[in-house]
Amino acid sequence: SQVTAVTMKLAELQSQVLRLNALGDRLAEEA
C-alpha cells in the first residue's frame, strides 16, 4: 500500500510539473 501511495504521488507530481511547464511557456511567450 505504501509503494502504491508513492507511485500515485509521483504521478500527481508529474501532472503538476506538466501544468507548470505549460504555464511557464505561456508566461515566457507573453513576456
PDB file of all heavy atoms in Angstrom:
ATOM      1  N   SER A   1       0.829  -1.211   0.000  1.00  0.00           N
ATOM      2  CA  SER A   1       0.000   0.000   0.000  1.00  0.00           C
ATOM      3  C   SER A   1       0.859   1.255   0.000  1.00  0.00           C
ATOM      4  O   SER A   1       0.535   2.263  -0.625  1.00  0.00           O
ATOM      5  CB  SER A   1      -0.949   0.003   1.199  1.00  0.00           C
ATOM      6  OG  SER A   1      -0.226   0.063   2.419  1.00  0.00           O
ATOM      7  N   GLN A   2       2.008   1.212   0.710  1.00  0.00           N
ATOM      8  CA  GLN A   2       2.905   2.361   0.736  1.00  0.00           C
ATOM      9  C   GLN A   2       3.549   2.586  -0.630  1.00  0.00           C
ATOM     10  O   GLN A   2       3.683   3.725  -1.085  1.00  0.00           O
ATOM     11  CB  GLN A   2       3.981   2.149   1.804  1.00  0.00           C
ATOM     12  CG  GLN A   2       3.472   2.281   3.223  1.00  0.00           C
ATOM     13  CD  GLN A   2       4.562   2.030   4.249  1.00  0.00           C
ATOM     14  OE1 GLN A   2       5.455   1.211   4.031  1.00  0.00           O
ATOM     15  NE2 GLN A   2       4.490   2.731   5.375  1.00  0.00           N
ATOM     16  N   VAL A   3       3.953   1.493  -1.293  1.00  0.00           N
ATOM     17  CA  VAL A   3       4.533   1.605  -2.640  1.00  0.00           C
ATOM     18  C   VAL A   3       3.512   2.182  -3.603  1.00  0.00           C
ATOM     19  O   VAL A   3       3.823   3.054  -4.428  1.00  0.00           O
ATOM     20  CB  VAL A   3       5.032   0.233  -3.130  1.00  0.00           C
ATOM     21  CG1 VAL A   3       5.419   0.300  -4.605  1.00  0.00           C
ATOM     22  CG2 VAL A   3       6.214  -0.235  -2.299  1.00  0.00           C
ATOM     23  N   THR A   4       2.259   1.724  -3.495  1.00  0.00           N
ATOM     24  CA  THR A   4       1.192   2.257  -4.354  1.00  0.00           C
ATOM     25  C   THR A   4       0.991   3.746  -4.102  1.00  0.00           C
ATOM     26  O   THR A   4       0.819   4.541  -5.039  1.00  0.00           O
ATOM     27  CB  THR A   4      -0.124   1.500  -4.096  1.00  0.00           C
ATOM     28  OG1 THR A   4       0.073   0.110  -4.364  1.00  0.00           O
ATOM     29  CG2 THR A   4      -1.239   2.038  -4.984  1.00  0.00           C
ATOM     30  N   ALA A   5       1.034   4.153  -2.817  1.00  0.00           N
ATOM     31  CA  ALA A   5       0.852   5.565  -2.473  1.00  0.00           C
ATOM     32  C   ALA A   5       1.967   6.416  -3.062  1.00  0.00           C
ATOM     33  O   ALA A   5       1.727   7.506  -3.600  1.00  0.00           O
ATOM     34  CB  ALA A   5       0.803   5.721  -0.952  1.00  0.00           C
ATOM     35  N   VAL A   6       3.227   5.932  -2.977  1.00  0.00           N
ATOM     36  CA  VAL A   6       4.355   6.668  -3.546  1.00  0.00           C
ATOM     37  C   VAL A   6       4.199   6.792  -5.058  1.00  0.00           C
ATOM     38  O   VAL A   6       4.427   7.865  -5.643  1.00  0.00           O
ATOM     39  CB  VAL A   6       5.683   5.979  -3.197  1.00  0.00           C
ATOM     40  CG1 VAL A   6       6.832   6.603  -3.988  1.00  0.00           C
ATOM     41  CG2 VAL A   6       5.969   6.096  -1.708  1.00  0.00           C
ATOM     42  N   THR A   7       3.799   5.697  -5.706  1.00  0.00           N
ATOM     43  CA  THR A   7       3.618   5.711  -7.164  1.00  0.00           C
ATOM     44  C   THR A   7       2.563   6.734  -7.574  1.00  0.00           C
ATOM     45  O   THR A   7       2.744   7.502  -8.526  1.00  0.00           O
ATOM     46  CB  THR A   7       3.208   4.320  -7.658  1.00  0.00           C
ATOM     47  OG1 THR A   7       4.207   3.369  -7.261  1.00  0.00           O
ATOM     48  CG2 THR A   7       3.067   4.297  -9.175  1.00  0.00           C
ATOM     49  N   MET A   8       1.440   6.764  -6.841  1.00  0.00           N
ATOM     50  CA  MET A   8       0.370   7.721  -7.156  1.00  0.00           C
ATOM     51  C   MET A   8       0.828   9.153  -6.920  1.00  0.00           C
ATOM     52  O   MET A   8       0.511  10.053  -7.704  1.00  0.00           O
ATOM     53  CB  MET A   8      -0.862   7.409  -6.314  1.00  0.00           C
ATOM     54  CG  MET A   8      -1.540   6.077  -6.660  1.00  0.00           C
ATOM     55  SD  MET A   8      -2.942   5.710  -5.583  1.00  0.00           S
ATOM     56  CE  MET A   8      -4.046   7.068  -5.999  1.00  0.00           C
ATOM     57  N   LYS A   9       1.584   9.379  -5.844  1.00  0.00           N
ATOM     58  CA  LYS A   9       2.079  10.723  -5.568  1.00  0.00           C
ATOM     59  C   LYS A   9       3.019  11.204  -6.671  1.00  0.00           C
ATOM     60  O   LYS A   9       2.970  12.355  -7.092  1.00  0.00           O
ATOM     61  CB  LYS A   9       2.797  10.749  -4.221  1.00  0.00           C
ATOM     62  CG  LYS A   9       1.878  10.792  -3.022  1.00  0.00           C
ATOM     63  CD  LYS A   9       1.139  12.120  -2.951  1.00  0.00           C
ATOM     64  CE  LYS A   9       0.298  12.218  -1.710  1.00  0.00           C
ATOM     65  NZ  LYS A   9      -0.466  13.502  -1.672  1.00  0.00           N
ATOM     66  N   LEU A  10       3.890  10.301  -7.150  1.00  0.00           N
ATOM     67  CA  LEU A  10       4.804  10.680  -8.228  1.00  0.00           C
ATOM     68  C   LEU A  10       4.039  11.023  -9.495  1.00  0.00           C
ATOM     69  O   LEU A  10       4.400  11.949 -10.229  1.00  0.00           O
ATOM     70  CB  LEU A  10       5.795   9.537  -8.491  1.00  0.00           C
ATOM     71  CG  LEU A  10       6.888   9.339  -7.435  1.00  0.00           C
ATOM     72  CD1 LEU A  10       7.718   8.100  -7.761  1.00  0.00           C
ATOM     73  CD2 LEU A  10       7.792  10.560  -7.344  1.00  0.00           C
ATOM     74  N   ALA A  11       2.965  10.278  -9.780  1.00  0.00           N
ATOM     75  CA  ALA A  11       2.146  10.574 -10.953  1.00  0.00           C
ATOM     76  C   ALA A  11       1.484  11.939 -10.824  1.00  0.00           C
ATOM     77  O   ALA A  11       1.411  12.711 -11.782  1.00  0.00           O
ATOM     78  CB  ALA A  11       1.090   9.485 -11.136  1.00  0.00           C
ATOM     79  N   GLU A  12       0.996  12.277  -9.613  1.00  0.00           N
ATOM     80  CA  GLU A  12       0.381  13.581  -9.386  1.00  0.00           C
ATOM     81  C   GLU A  12       1.402  14.702  -9.561  1.00  0.00           C
ATOM     82  O   GLU A  12       1.104  15.744 -10.154  1.00  0.00           O
ATOM     83  CB  GLU A  12      -0.217  13.625  -7.974  1.00  0.00           C
ATOM     84  CG  GLU A  12      -1.427  12.729  -7.792  1.00  0.00           C
ATOM     85  CD  GLU A  12      -1.900  12.693  -6.343  1.00  0.00           C
ATOM     86  OE1 GLU A  12      -1.327  13.435  -5.526  1.00  0.00           O
ATOM     87  OE2 GLU A  12      -2.827  11.919  -6.053  1.00  0.00           O
ATOM     88  N   LEU A  13       2.622  14.478  -9.041  1.00  0.00           N
ATOM     89  CA  LEU A  13       3.672  15.486  -9.188  1.00  0.00           C
ATOM     90  C   LEU A  13       4.042  15.681 -10.652  1.00  0.00           C
ATOM     91  O   LEU A  13       4.302  16.799 -11.096  1.00  0.00           O
ATOM     92  CB  LEU A  13       4.904  15.078  -8.385  1.00  0.00           C
ATOM     93  CG  LEU A  13       4.807  15.223  -6.859  1.00  0.00           C
ATOM     94  CD1 LEU A  13       6.057  14.673  -6.196  1.00  0.00           C
ATOM     95  CD2 LEU A  13       4.594  16.673  -6.457  1.00  0.00           C
ATOM     96  N   GLN A  14       4.068  14.586 -11.407  1.00  0.00           N
ATOM     97  CA  GLN A  14       4.394  14.696 -12.833  1.00  0.00           C
ATOM     98  C   GLN A  14       3.342  15.527 -13.556  1.00  0.00           C
ATOM     99  O   GLN A  14       3.671  16.379 -14.390  1.00  0.00           O
ATOM    100  CB  GLN A  14       4.484  13.303 -13.451  1.00  0.00           C
ATOM    101  CG  GLN A  14       4.982  13.316 -14.896  1.00  0.00           C
ATOM    102  CD  GLN A  14       5.202  11.924 -15.437  1.00  0.00           C
ATOM    103  OE1 GLN A  14       4.622  10.959 -14.948  1.00  0.00           O
ATOM    104  NE2 GLN A  14       6.030  11.809 -16.452  1.00  0.00           N
ATOM    105  N   SER A  15       2.068  15.308 -13.232  1.00  0.00           N
ATOM    106  CA  SER A  15       0.995  16.105 -13.844  1.00  0.00           C
ATOM    107  C   SER A  15       1.126  17.570 -13.468  1.00  0.00           C
ATOM    108  O   SER A  15       0.930  18.466 -14.295  1.00  0.00           O
ATOM    109  CB  SER A  15      -0.372  15.572 -13.390  1.00  0.00           C
ATOM    110  OG  SER A  15      -0.558  14.248 -13.801  1.00  0.00           O
ATOM    111  N   GLN A  16       1.496  17.824 -12.208  1.00  0.00           N
ATOM    112  CA  GLN A  16       1.643  19.207 -11.760  1.00  0.00           C
ATOM    113  C   GLN A  16       2.817  19.887 -12.451  1.00  0.00           C
ATOM    114  O   GLN A  16       2.744  21.066 -12.816  1.00  0.00           O
ATOM    115  CB  GLN A  16       1.829  19.232 -10.248  1.00  0.00           C
ATOM    116  CG  GLN A  16       1.564  20.604  -9.628  1.00  0.00           C
ATOM    117  CD  GLN A  16       1.308  20.508  -8.138  1.00  0.00           C
ATOM    118  OE1 GLN A  16       1.387  19.431  -7.557  1.00  0.00           O
ATOM    119  NE2 GLN A  16       1.018  21.627  -7.517  1.00  0.00           N
ATOM    120  N   VAL A  17       3.902  19.147 -12.654  1.00  0.00           N
ATOM    121  CA  VAL A  17       5.050  19.692 -13.369  1.00  0.00           C
ATOM    122  C   VAL A  17       4.674  20.040 -14.799  1.00  0.00           C
ATOM    123  O   VAL A  17       5.064  21.081 -15.330  1.00  0.00           O
ATOM    124  CB  VAL A  17       6.233  18.706 -13.339  1.00  0.00           C
ATOM    125  CG1 VAL A  17       7.307  19.116 -14.335  1.00  0.00           C
ATOM    126  CG2 VAL A  17       6.829  18.640 -11.946  1.00  0.00           C
ATOM    127  N   LEU A  18       3.872  19.194 -15.440  1.00  0.00           N
ATOM    128  CA  LEU A  18       3.440  19.472 -16.808  1.00  0.00           C
ATOM    129  C   LEU A  18       2.603  20.751 -16.865  1.00  0.00           C
ATOM    130  O   LEU A  18       2.743  21.558 -17.787  1.00  0.00           O
ATOM    131  CB  LEU A  18       2.646  18.280 -17.357  1.00  0.00           C
ATOM    132  CG  LEU A  18       3.445  17.003 -17.618  1.00  0.00           C
ATOM    133  CD1 LEU A  18       2.521  15.853 -18.033  1.00  0.00           C
ATOM    134  CD2 LEU A  18       4.494  17.234 -18.698  1.00  0.00           C
ATOM    135  N   ARG A  19       1.728  20.932 -15.857  1.00  0.00           N
ATOM    136  CA  ARG A  19       0.929  22.165 -15.814  1.00  0.00           C
ATOM    137  C   ARG A  19       1.822  23.384 -15.623  1.00  0.00           C
ATOM    138  O   ARG A  19       1.622  24.432 -16.247  1.00  0.00           O
ATOM    139  CB  ARG A  19      -0.109  22.099 -14.689  1.00  0.00           C
ATOM    140  CG  ARG A  19      -1.210  21.092 -14.906  1.00  0.00           C
ATOM    141  CD  ARG A  19      -2.411  21.381 -14.007  1.00  0.00           C
ATOM    142  NE  ARG A  19      -2.051  21.442 -12.608  1.00  0.00           N
ATOM    143  CZ  ARG A  19      -2.035  20.381 -11.799  1.00  0.00           C
ATOM    144  NH1 ARG A  19      -2.301  19.181 -12.274  1.00  0.00           N
ATOM    145  NH2 ARG A  19      -1.741  20.531 -10.516  1.00  0.00           N
ATOM    146  N   LEU A  20       2.803  23.264 -14.744  1.00  0.00           N
ATOM    147  CA  LEU A  20       3.736  24.370 -14.511  1.00  0.00           C
ATOM    148  C   LEU A  20       4.552  24.670 -15.760  1.00  0.00           C
ATOM    149  O   LEU A  20       4.819  25.828 -16.075  1.00  0.00           O
ATOM    150  CB  LEU A  20       4.658  24.037 -13.349  1.00  0.00           C
ATOM    151  CG  LEU A  20       4.045  24.155 -11.946  1.00  0.00           C
ATOM    152  CD1 LEU A  20       4.984  23.553 -10.909  1.00  0.00           C
ATOM    153  CD2 LEU A  20       3.727  25.592 -11.609  1.00  0.00           C
ATOM    154  N   ASN A  21       4.963  23.623 -16.471  1.00  0.00           N
ATOM    155  CA  ASN A  21       5.707  23.836 -17.718  1.00  0.00           C
ATOM    156  C   ASN A  21       4.876  24.620 -18.731  1.00  0.00           C
ATOM    157  O   ASN A  21       5.349  25.546 -19.382  1.00  0.00           O
ATOM    158  CB  ASN A  21       6.124  22.495 -18.322  1.00  0.00           C
ATOM    159  CG  ASN A  21       7.311  21.879 -17.601  1.00  0.00           C
ATOM    160  OD1 ASN A  21       8.021  22.566 -16.876  1.00  0.00           O
ATOM    161  ND2 ASN A  21       7.521  20.593 -17.797  1.00  0.00           N
ATOM    162  N   ALA A  22       3.609  24.206 -18.867  1.00  0.00           N
ATOM    163  CA  ALA A  22       2.726  24.893 -19.815  1.00  0.00           C
ATOM    164  C   ALA A  22       2.511  26.345 -19.408  1.00  0.00           C
ATOM    165  O   ALA A  22       2.532  27.259 -20.242  1.00  0.00           O
ATOM    166  CB  ALA A  22       1.387  24.159 -19.902  1.00  0.00           C
ATOM    167  N   LEU A  23       2.315  26.572 -18.101  1.00  0.00           N
ATOM    168  CA  LEU A  23       2.119  27.935 -17.607  1.00  0.00           C
ATOM    169  C   LEU A  23       3.376  28.762 -17.808  1.00  0.00           C
ATOM    170  O   LEU A  23       3.325  29.926 -18.212  1.00  0.00           O
ATOM    171  CB  LEU A  23       1.734  27.892 -16.127  1.00  0.00           C
ATOM    172  CG  LEU A  23       1.428  29.223 -15.440  1.00  0.00           C
ATOM    173  CD1 LEU A  23       0.324  29.967 -16.178  1.00  0.00           C
ATOM    174  CD2 LEU A  23       1.029  28.978 -13.985  1.00  0.00           C
ATOM    175  N   GLY A  24       4.548  28.155 -17.545  1.00  0.00           N
ATOM    176  CA  GLY A  24       5.807  28.862 -17.753  1.00  0.00           C
ATOM    177  C   GLY A  24       6.022  29.226 -19.215  1.00  0.00           C
ATOM    178  O   GLY A  24       6.501  30.318 -19.531  1.00  0.00           O
ATOM    179  N   ASP A  25       5.662  28.314 -20.118  1.00  0.00           N
ATOM    180  CA  ASP A  25       5.781  28.600 -21.549  1.00  0.00           C
ATOM    181  C   ASP A  25       4.923  29.797 -21.939  1.00  0.00           C
ATOM    182  O   ASP A  25       5.351  30.671 -22.702  1.00  0.00           O
ATOM    183  CB  ASP A  25       5.359  27.374 -22.369  1.00  0.00           C
ATOM    184  CG  ASP A  25       6.421  26.285 -22.360  1.00  0.00           C
ATOM    185  OD1 ASP A  25       7.605  26.621 -22.158  1.00  0.00           O
ATOM    186  OD2 ASP A  25       6.066  25.107 -22.552  1.00  0.00           O
ATOM    187  N   ARG A  26       3.685  29.847 -21.408  1.00  0.00           N
ATOM    188  CA  ARG A  26       2.795  30.962 -21.739  1.00  0.00           C
ATOM    189  C   ARG A  26       3.347  32.278 -21.212  1.00  0.00           C
ATOM    190  O   ARG A  26       3.304  33.307 -21.890  1.00  0.00           O
ATOM    191  CB  ARG A  26       1.395  30.719 -21.161  1.00  0.00           C
ATOM    192  CG  ARG A  26       0.636  29.593 -21.804  1.00  0.00           C
ATOM    193  CD  ARG A  26      -0.863  29.727 -21.571  1.00  0.00           C
ATOM    194  NE  ARG A  26      -1.204  29.765 -20.162  1.00  0.00           N
ATOM    195  CZ  ARG A  26      -1.459  28.691 -19.418  1.00  0.00           C
ATOM    196  NH1 ARG A  26      -1.375  27.492 -19.961  1.00  0.00           N
ATOM    197  NH2 ARG A  26      -1.786  28.814 -18.149  1.00  0.00           N
ATOM    198  N   LEU A  27       3.872  32.250 -19.981  1.00  0.00           N
ATOM    199  CA  LEU A  27       4.422  33.472 -19.397  1.00  0.00           C
ATOM    200  C   LEU A  27       5.657  33.939 -20.151  1.00  0.00           C
ATOM    201  O   LEU A  27       5.841  35.137 -20.386  1.00  0.00           O
ATOM    202  CB  LEU A  27       4.768  33.229 -17.927  1.00  0.00           C
ATOM    203  CG  LEU A  27       3.572  33.135 -16.973  1.00  0.00           C
ATOM    204  CD1 LEU A  27       4.017  32.644 -15.607  1.00  0.00           C
ATOM    205  CD2 LEU A  27       2.851  34.465 -16.858  1.00  0.00           C
ATOM    206  N   ALA A  28       6.527  32.999 -20.537  1.00  0.00           N
ATOM    207  CA  ALA A  28       7.725  33.365 -21.290  1.00  0.00           C
ATOM    208  C   ALA A  28       7.348  33.973 -22.636  1.00  0.00           C
ATOM    209  O   ALA A  28       7.940  34.955 -23.083  1.00  0.00           O
ATOM    210  CB  ALA A  28       8.613  32.139 -21.490  1.00  0.00           C
ATOM    211  N   GLU A  29       6.337  33.384 -23.276  1.00  0.00           N
ATOM    212  CA  GLU A  29       5.888  33.919 -24.572  1.00  0.00           C
ATOM    213  C   GLU A  29       5.273  35.296 -24.394  1.00  0.00           C
ATOM    214  O   GLU A  29       5.498  36.207 -25.190  1.00  0.00           O
ATOM    215  CB  GLU A  29       4.867  32.956 -25.186  1.00  0.00           C
ATOM    216  CG  GLU A  29       4.362  33.386 -26.550  1.00  0.00           C
ATOM    217  CD  GLU A  29       3.361  32.409 -27.132  1.00  0.00           C
ATOM    218  OE1 GLU A  29       3.088  31.380 -26.483  1.00  0.00           O
ATOM    219  OE2 GLU A  29       2.842  32.674 -28.235  1.00  0.00           O
ATOM    220  N   GLU A  30       4.478  35.455 -23.294  1.00  0.00           N
ATOM    221  CA  GLU A  30       3.821  36.729 -23.029  1.00  0.00           C
ATOM    222  C   GLU A  30       4.841  37.835 -22.796  1.00  0.00           C
ATOM    223  O   GLU A  30       4.653  38.983 -23.190  1.00  0.00           O
ATOM    224  CB  GLU A  30       2.916  36.586 -21.814  1.00  0.00           C
ATOM    225  CG  GLU A  30       1.840  37.636 -21.693  1.00  0.00           C
ATOM    226  CD  GLU A  30       0.785  37.501 -22.768  1.00  0.00           C
ATOM    227  OE1 GLU A  30       0.308  36.388 -23.033  1.00  0.00           O
ATOM    228  OE2 GLU A  30       0.461  38.543 -23.371  1.00  0.00           O
ATOM    229  N   ALA A  31       5.971  37.472 -22.147  1.00  0.00           N
ATOM    230  CA  ALA A  31       6.996  38.457 -21.825  1.00  0.00           C
ATOM    231  C   ALA A  31       8.006  38.639 -22.947  1.00  0.00           C
ATOM    232  O   ALA A  31       8.967  39.382 -22.794  1.00  0.00           O
ATOM    233  CB  ALA A  31       7.722  38.037 -20.546  1.00  0.00           C
TER     234      ALA A  31
END
